[in-house]
Amino acid sequence: MSLSEKNNSQVKRNKTLVELFVGEIFNKHNLSAIEKYLNPVAGKGSEGFKQFLSALFKAFPDWHTNIEQIVAEDNLVVILLNGTGTHQGEFQGTAPTYKRVNIRSADLYRIENGIIVEHRDIVDQLNLLQQTGATL
């Protein structure tokens, strides 16, 4: 196998890892699987991440996230996400509105040895808060 083929194979595995992470965590709401994908060092904030997601899934029990775009190079994977759900429970102090909402994000993952070792994201949280009426 050439170096180029080996690199392409690794890039595909990295993309698949991120797709599985999004599917299991954001679509199946399986918070116990977070450690399966995140390195303990990268996941040092995993308890806060779990708490945020737990509140999100309680407020939006039908939450689903679509990967709109995925790009990978070497050990980096970038995804553009669009999450949707119905506001059926209290969220950040706002009573349920029963409105459909969506939130978009761009996420960067760095993968090493088949595990996510770094994650950064840009999330349009203001838009979500406006949709739920938490802010104008």
N, C-alpha and C. Protein backbone atom coordinates (compact mmCIF):
# COMPACT_ATOMS: atom_id res chain seq x y z
N MET A 1 0.85 -1.17 0.00
CA MET A 1 0.00 0.00 0.00
C MET A 1 0.90 1.24 0.00
N SER A 2 0.62 2.15 -0.91
CA SER A 2 1.42 3.37 -1.01
C SER A 2 1.09 4.31 0.15
N LEU A 3 1.96 5.28 0.36
CA LEU A 3 1.72 6.27 1.41
C LEU A 3 0.43 7.03 1.17
N SER A 4 0.15 7.36 -0.09
CA SER A 4 -1.07 8.07 -0.46
C SER A 4 -2.31 7.23 -0.14
N GLU A 5 -2.25 5.95 -0.47
CA GLU A 5 -3.38 5.05 -0.19
C GLU A 5 -3.58 4.89 1.32
N LYS A 6 -2.47 4.79 2.04
CA LYS A 6 -2.54 4.65 3.50
C LYS A 6 -3.16 5.91 4.11
N ASN A 7 -2.76 7.09 3.63
CA ASN A 7 -3.31 8.35 4.12
C ASN A 7 -4.80 8.44 3.81
N ASN A 8 -5.19 8.08 2.58
CA ASN A 8 -6.62 8.11 2.21
C ASN A 8 -7.44 7.17 3.08
N SER A 9 -6.88 6.02 3.39
CA SER A 9 -7.56 5.05 4.24
C SER A 9 -7.75 5.61 5.65
N GLN A 10 -6.71 6.26 6.18
CA GLN A 10 -6.79 6.86 7.51
C GLN A 10 -7.80 8.00 7.54
N VAL A 11 -7.81 8.83 6.49
CA VAL A 11 -8.76 9.93 6.40
C VAL A 11 -10.19 9.39 6.40
N LYS A 12 -10.44 8.32 5.67
CA LYS A 12 -11.78 7.71 5.64
C LYS A 12 -12.17 7.20 7.02
N ARG A 13 -11.23 6.55 7.72
CA ARG A 13 -11.52 6.05 9.07
C ARG A 13 -11.84 7.21 10.02
N ASN A 14 -11.10 8.31 9.89
CA ASN A 14 -11.36 9.48 10.74
C ASN A 14 -12.74 10.07 10.48
N LYS A 15 -13.11 10.17 9.21
CA LYS A 15 -14.44 10.69 8.87
C LYS A 15 -15.52 9.77 9.44
N THR A 16 -15.32 8.47 9.31
CA THR A 16 -16.28 7.50 9.82
C THR A 16 -16.42 7.62 11.33
N LEU A 17 -15.30 7.79 12.03
CA LEU A 17 -15.32 7.95 13.49
C LEU A 17 -16.18 9.15 13.88
N VAL A 18 -16.00 10.27 13.22
CA VAL A 18 -16.78 11.48 13.55
C VAL A 18 -18.25 11.27 13.20
N GLU A 19 -18.53 10.63 12.08
CA GLU A 19 -19.93 10.35 11.72
C GLU A 19 -20.59 9.46 12.77
N LEU A 20 -19.87 8.44 13.25
CA LEU A 20 -20.41 7.56 14.28
C LEU A 20 -20.63 8.32 15.59
N PHE A 21 -19.69 9.20 15.93
CA PHE A 21 -19.81 10.02 17.13
C PHE A 21 -21.08 10.87 17.07
N VAL A 22 -21.28 11.57 15.98
CA VAL A 22 -22.47 12.41 15.83
C VAL A 22 -23.74 11.55 15.90
N GLY A 23 -23.75 10.44 15.20
CA GLY A 23 -24.93 9.57 15.20
C GLY A 23 -25.27 9.02 16.57
N GLU A 24 -24.26 8.53 17.27
CA GLU A 24 -24.52 7.91 18.56
C GLU A 24 -24.85 8.93 19.65
N ILE A 25 -24.13 10.04 19.67
CA ILE A 25 -24.34 11.02 20.74
C ILE A 25 -25.53 11.93 20.43
N PHE A 26 -25.55 12.55 19.26
CA PHE A 26 -26.55 13.58 18.96
C PHE A 26 -27.86 13.03 18.41
N ASN A 27 -27.84 11.83 17.85
CA ASN A 27 -29.09 11.30 17.29
C ASN A 27 -29.68 10.17 18.12
N LYS A 28 -28.83 9.34 18.72
CA LYS A 28 -29.34 8.29 19.60
C LYS A 28 -29.37 8.74 21.05
N HIS A 29 -28.80 9.92 21.32
CA HIS A 29 -28.77 10.51 22.66
C HIS A 29 -28.08 9.60 23.67
N ASN A 30 -27.06 8.86 23.22
CA ASN A 30 -26.33 7.92 24.07
C ASN A 30 -25.13 8.61 24.71
N LEU A 31 -25.36 9.31 25.80
CA LEU A 31 -24.31 10.07 26.47
C LEU A 31 -23.23 9.18 27.08
N SER A 32 -23.58 7.95 27.42
CA SER A 32 -22.58 7.05 28.00
C SER A 32 -21.51 6.66 26.98
N ALA A 33 -21.76 6.91 25.71
CA ALA A 33 -20.79 6.57 24.67
C ALA A 33 -19.73 7.65 24.46
N ILE A 34 -19.84 8.77 25.15
CA ILE A 34 -18.89 9.86 24.93
C ILE A 34 -17.45 9.40 25.16
N GLU A 35 -17.21 8.67 26.24
CA GLU A 35 -15.85 8.20 26.53
C GLU A 35 -15.32 7.25 25.47
N LYS A 36 -16.21 6.58 24.76
CA LYS A 36 -15.81 5.67 23.69
C LYS A 36 -15.12 6.43 22.55
N TYR A 37 -15.49 7.69 22.37
CA TYR A 37 -14.98 8.48 21.25
C TYR A 37 -13.96 9.53 21.65
N LEU A 38 -14.05 10.05 22.88
CA LEU A 38 -13.18 11.14 23.31
C LEU A 38 -12.06 10.64 24.20
N ASN A 39 -10.85 11.07 23.91
CA ASN A 39 -9.70 10.81 24.76
C ASN A 39 -9.97 11.47 26.10
N PRO A 40 -9.61 10.82 27.22
CA PRO A 40 -9.86 11.44 28.53
C PRO A 40 -9.29 12.85 28.66
N VAL A 41 -8.15 13.12 28.03
CA VAL A 41 -7.57 14.46 28.09
C VAL A 41 -8.44 15.44 27.31
N ALA A 42 -8.83 15.04 26.07
CA ALA A 42 -9.70 15.90 25.26
C ALA A 42 -11.06 16.02 25.91
N GLY A 43 -11.47 14.96 26.58
CA GLY A 43 -12.80 14.94 27.20
C GLY A 43 -12.80 15.42 28.63
N LYS A 44 -11.75 16.19 29.03
CA LYS A 44 -11.68 16.65 30.42
C LYS A 44 -12.92 17.45 30.80
N GLY A 45 -13.57 18.04 29.81
CA GLY A 45 -14.81 18.74 30.07
C GLY A 45 -16.01 17.89 29.74
N SER A 46 -15.82 16.56 29.66
CA SER A 46 -16.92 15.70 29.21
C SER A 46 -18.11 15.73 30.17
N GLU A 47 -17.88 15.96 31.46
CA GLU A 47 -19.02 16.04 32.39
C GLU A 47 -19.88 17.26 32.06
N GLY A 48 -19.23 18.39 31.79
CA GLY A 48 -19.98 19.59 31.40
C GLY A 48 -20.69 19.38 30.07
N PHE A 49 -20.02 18.70 29.14
CA PHE A 49 -20.59 18.37 27.83
C PHE A 49 -21.82 17.48 28.02
N LYS A 50 -21.69 16.47 28.89
CA LYS A 50 -22.81 15.57 29.16
C LYS A 50 -23.99 16.32 29.79
N GLN A 51 -23.69 17.22 30.72
CA GLN A 51 -24.75 17.98 31.38
C GLN A 51 -25.48 18.87 30.37
N PHE A 52 -24.71 19.53 29.49
CA PHE A 52 -25.34 20.38 28.47
C PHE A 52 -26.23 19.53 27.57
N LEU A 53 -25.69 18.41 27.08
CA LEU A 53 -26.47 17.55 26.17
C LEU A 53 -27.69 16.95 26.87
N SER A 54 -27.54 16.57 28.12
CA SER A 54 -28.67 16.03 28.87
C SER A 54 -29.81 17.05 28.94
N ALA A 55 -29.46 18.31 29.24
CA ALA A 55 -30.47 19.37 29.29
C ALA A 55 -31.06 19.62 27.90
N LEU A 56 -30.22 19.59 26.87
CA LEU A 56 -30.69 19.79 25.49
C LEU A 56 -31.68 18.70 25.10
N PHE A 57 -31.33 17.45 25.37
CA PHE A 57 -32.20 16.34 24.97
C PHE A 57 -33.48 16.28 25.80
N LYS A 58 -33.43 16.77 27.04
CA LYS A 58 -34.64 16.83 27.85
C LYS A 58 -35.58 17.90 27.31
N ALA A 59 -35.01 19.04 26.92
CA ALA A 59 -35.82 20.14 26.38
C ALA A 59 -36.30 19.86 24.96
N PHE A 60 -35.49 19.12 24.20
CA PHE A 60 -35.78 18.80 22.80
C PHE A 60 -35.66 17.29 22.61
N PRO A 61 -36.63 16.51 23.10
CA PRO A 61 -36.50 15.05 23.09
C PRO A 61 -36.42 14.43 21.69
N ASP A 62 -36.84 15.16 20.68
CA ASP A 62 -36.77 14.64 19.31
C ASP A 62 -35.54 15.19 18.57
N TRP A 63 -34.54 15.67 19.31
CA TRP A 63 -33.36 16.29 18.71
C TRP A 63 -32.68 15.36 17.72
N HIS A 64 -32.38 15.91 16.55
CA HIS A 64 -31.67 15.16 15.51
C HIS A 64 -30.68 16.10 14.83
N THR A 65 -29.50 15.58 14.55
CA THR A 65 -28.45 16.38 13.93
C THR A 65 -28.07 15.78 12.58
N ASN A 66 -28.10 16.62 11.56
CA ASN A 66 -27.66 16.21 10.22
C ASN A 66 -26.27 16.76 9.94
N ILE A 67 -25.45 15.92 9.36
CA ILE A 67 -24.15 16.38 8.88
C ILE A 67 -24.38 16.90 7.47
N GLU A 68 -24.19 18.20 7.29
CA GLU A 68 -24.40 18.81 5.98
C GLU A 68 -23.15 18.73 5.11
N GLN A 69 -22.01 18.77 5.75
CA GLN A 69 -20.73 18.73 5.00
C GLN A 69 -19.69 18.11 5.92
N ILE A 70 -18.81 17.31 5.33
CA ILE A 70 -17.70 16.74 6.09
C ILE A 70 -16.47 16.77 5.20
N VAL A 71 -15.40 17.30 5.75
CA VAL A 71 -14.15 17.43 5.02
C VAL A 71 -13.04 16.93 5.95
N ALA A 72 -12.12 16.16 5.40
CA ALA A 72 -11.03 15.64 6.22
C ALA A 72 -9.70 15.72 5.48
N GLU A 73 -8.67 15.95 6.27
CA GLU A 73 -7.31 15.97 5.75
C GLU A 73 -6.40 15.53 6.88
N ASP A 74 -5.51 14.61 6.57
CA ASP A 74 -4.60 14.07 7.58
C ASP A 74 -5.41 13.63 8.80
N ASN A 75 -5.13 14.21 9.98
CA ASN A 75 -5.83 13.78 11.20
C ASN A 75 -6.92 14.76 11.63
N LEU A 76 -7.35 15.65 10.72
CA LEU A 76 -8.38 16.64 11.03
C LEU A 76 -9.66 16.36 10.26
N VAL A 77 -10.79 16.53 10.93
CA VAL A 77 -12.10 16.38 10.31
C VAL A 77 -12.92 17.61 10.67
N VAL A 78 -13.50 18.24 9.66
CA VAL A 78 -14.38 19.39 9.87
C VAL A 78 -15.78 19.00 9.40
N ILE A 79 -16.78 19.31 10.22
CA ILE A 79 -18.16 19.03 9.83
C ILE A 79 -19.01 20.27 10.04
N LEU A 80 -19.98 20.44 9.16
CA LEU A 80 -21.01 21.46 9.33
C LEU A 80 -22.27 20.71 9.72
N LEU A 81 -22.86 21.12 10.84
CA LEU A 81 -24.01 20.42 11.39
C LEU A 81 -25.23 21.31 11.41
N ASN A 82 -26.39 20.68 11.30
CA ASN A 82 -27.67 21.35 11.47
C ASN A 82 -28.52 20.48 12.38
N GLY A 83 -28.73 20.96 13.61
CA GLY A 83 -29.54 20.22 14.58
C GLY A 83 -30.94 20.79 14.65
N THR A 84 -31.93 19.92 14.78
CA THR A 84 -33.33 20.35 14.87
C THR A 84 -34.04 19.60 15.99
N GLY A 85 -35.05 20.24 16.54
CA GLY A 85 -35.86 19.60 17.56
C GLY A 85 -37.04 20.48 17.92
N THR A 86 -37.96 19.90 18.69
CA THR A 86 -39.14 20.61 19.15
C THR A 86 -38.95 20.97 20.61
N HIS A 87 -39.13 22.23 20.95
CA HIS A 87 -38.90 22.75 22.30
C HIS A 87 -40.04 22.29 23.21
N GLN A 88 -39.84 21.12 23.86
CA GLN A 88 -40.89 20.49 24.66
C GLN A 88 -40.64 20.53 26.16
N GLY A 89 -39.48 21.04 26.57
CA GLY A 89 -39.15 21.12 27.99
C GLY A 89 -38.40 22.41 28.26
N GLU A 90 -38.24 22.74 29.54
CA GLU A 90 -37.53 23.97 29.89
C GLU A 90 -36.10 23.91 29.35
N PHE A 91 -35.66 25.03 28.78
CA PHE A 91 -34.29 25.11 28.26
C PHE A 91 -33.69 26.44 28.67
N GLN A 92 -32.65 26.36 29.46
CA GLN A 92 -31.93 27.53 29.95
C GLN A 92 -32.90 28.58 30.51
N GLY A 93 -33.82 28.10 31.33
CA GLY A 93 -34.75 28.98 32.02
C GLY A 93 -35.98 29.38 31.23
N THR A 94 -36.10 28.89 30.00
CA THR A 94 -37.25 29.24 29.17
C THR A 94 -38.23 28.07 29.10
N ALA A 95 -39.49 28.37 29.40
CA ALA A 95 -40.54 27.34 29.36
C ALA A 95 -40.72 26.84 27.93
N PRO A 96 -41.24 25.63 27.78
CA PRO A 96 -41.44 25.07 26.44
C PRO A 96 -42.31 25.96 25.56
N THR A 97 -41.92 26.09 24.30
CA THR A 97 -42.71 26.87 23.33
C THR A 97 -43.39 25.94 22.33
N TYR A 98 -42.96 24.69 22.28
CA TYR A 98 -43.45 23.68 21.35
C TYR A 98 -43.17 24.07 19.89
N LYS A 99 -42.20 24.96 19.71
CA LYS A 99 -41.78 25.35 18.36
C LYS A 99 -40.65 24.45 17.89
N ARG A 100 -40.60 24.23 16.58
CA ARG A 100 -39.45 23.55 15.97
C ARG A 100 -38.32 24.57 15.89
N VAL A 101 -37.14 24.16 16.29
CA VAL A 101 -35.97 25.04 16.25
C VAL A 101 -34.84 24.32 15.52
N ASN A 102 -33.86 25.11 15.11
CA ASN A 102 -32.66 24.51 14.57
C ASN A 102 -31.45 25.32 15.01
N ILE A 103 -30.32 24.66 15.04
CA ILE A 103 -29.07 25.30 15.41
C ILE A 103 -27.98 24.74 14.50
N ARG A 104 -27.13 25.62 14.07
CA ARG A 104 -26.05 25.22 13.17
C ARG A 104 -24.72 25.36 13.90
N SER A 105 -23.78 24.51 13.48
CA SER A 105 -22.44 24.60 14.05
C SER A 105 -21.42 24.13 13.03
N ALA A 106 -20.19 24.55 13.26
CA ALA A 106 -19.03 24.05 12.52
C ALA A 106 -18.11 23.46 13.58
N ASP A 107 -17.71 22.21 13.39
CA ASP A 107 -16.91 21.51 14.38
C ASP A 107 -15.62 21.00 13.75
N LEU A 108 -14.53 21.12 14.49
CA LEU A 108 -13.23 20.61 14.07
C LEU A 108 -12.82 19.54 15.06
N TYR A 109 -12.46 18.37 14.54
CA TYR A 109 -12.00 17.26 15.36
C TYR A 109 -10.58 16.90 14.94
N ARG A 110 -9.73 16.65 15.94
CA ARG A 110 -8.40 16.11 15.66
C ARG A 110 -8.39 14.69 16.21
N ILE A 111 -8.01 13.77 15.34
CA ILE A 111 -8.06 12.34 15.65
C ILE A 111 -6.63 11.79 15.73
N GLU A 112 -6.38 11.00 16.74
CA GLU A 112 -5.10 10.29 16.84
C GLU A 112 -5.38 8.89 17.36
N ASN A 113 -4.83 7.90 16.67
CA ASN A 113 -4.97 6.50 17.06
C ASN A 113 -6.43 6.09 17.25
N GLY A 114 -7.29 6.58 16.34
CA GLY A 114 -8.68 6.15 16.34
C GLY A 114 -9.55 6.75 17.43
N ILE A 115 -9.11 7.86 18.02
CA ILE A 115 -9.91 8.51 19.06
C ILE A 115 -9.81 10.03 18.91
N ILE A 116 -10.87 10.72 19.28
CA ILE A 116 -10.89 12.18 19.20
C ILE A 116 -10.05 12.72 20.36
N VAL A 117 -9.01 13.49 20.02
CA VAL A 117 -8.14 14.05 21.06
C VAL A 117 -8.34 15.55 21.21
N GLU A 118 -9.06 16.16 20.26
CA GLU A 118 -9.34 17.59 20.36
C GLU A 118 -10.62 17.89 19.59
N HIS A 119 -11.43 18.77 20.17
CA HIS A 119 -12.68 19.18 19.52
C HIS A 119 -12.87 20.67 19.75
N ARG A 120 -13.15 21.38 18.68
CA ARG A 120 -13.49 22.80 18.76
C ARG A 120 -14.75 23.01 17.94
N ASP A 121 -15.58 23.95 18.38
CA ASP A 121 -16.79 24.21 17.60
C ASP A 121 -17.17 25.68 17.66
N ILE A 122 -17.92 26.06 16.66
CA ILE A 122 -18.53 27.38 16.60
C ILE A 122 -20.02 27.11 16.45
N VAL A 123 -20.80 27.55 17.45
CA VAL A 123 -22.22 27.24 17.50
C VAL A 123 -23.01 28.55 17.55
N ASP A 124 -24.06 28.61 16.77
CA ASP A 124 -24.93 29.79 16.75
C ASP A 124 -25.96 29.67 17.86
N GLN A 125 -25.49 29.76 19.12
CA GLN A 125 -26.38 29.61 20.27
C GLN A 125 -27.35 30.78 20.41
N LEU A 126 -26.94 31.97 20.00
CA LEU A 126 -27.84 33.12 20.08
C LEU A 126 -29.10 32.88 19.26
N ASN A 127 -28.93 32.32 18.07
CA ASN A 127 -30.09 32.03 17.22
C ASN A 127 -31.03 31.04 17.92
N LEU A 128 -30.47 30.03 18.57
CA LEU A 128 -31.30 29.06 19.29
C LEU A 128 -32.06 29.74 20.43
N LEU A 129 -31.37 30.60 21.19
CA LEU A 129 -32.03 31.30 22.28
C LEU A 129 -33.13 32.23 21.76
N GLN A 130 -32.90 32.85 20.60
CA GLN A 130 -33.94 33.69 20.00
C GLN A 130 -35.13 32.84 19.58
N GLN A 131 -34.89 31.67 19.04
CA GLN A 131 -35.98 30.79 18.60
C GLN A 131 -36.84 30.31 19.76
N THR A 132 -36.21 30.12 20.94
CA THR A 132 -36.97 29.66 22.10
C THR A 132 -37.56 30.81 22.89
N GLY A 133 -37.24 32.04 22.50
CA GLY A 133 -37.77 33.21 23.19
C GLY A 133 -36.98 33.59 24.43
N ALA A 134 -35.81 32.96 24.64
CA ALA A 134 -35.01 33.27 25.82
C ALA A 134 -34.38 34.65 25.72
N THR A 135 -34.21 35.14 24.50
CA THR A 135 -33.66 36.47 24.28
C THR A 135 -34.23 37.02 22.98
N LEU A 136 -34.19 38.32 22.86
CA LEU A 136 -34.71 38.96 21.64
C LEU A 136 -33.62 39.17 20.63
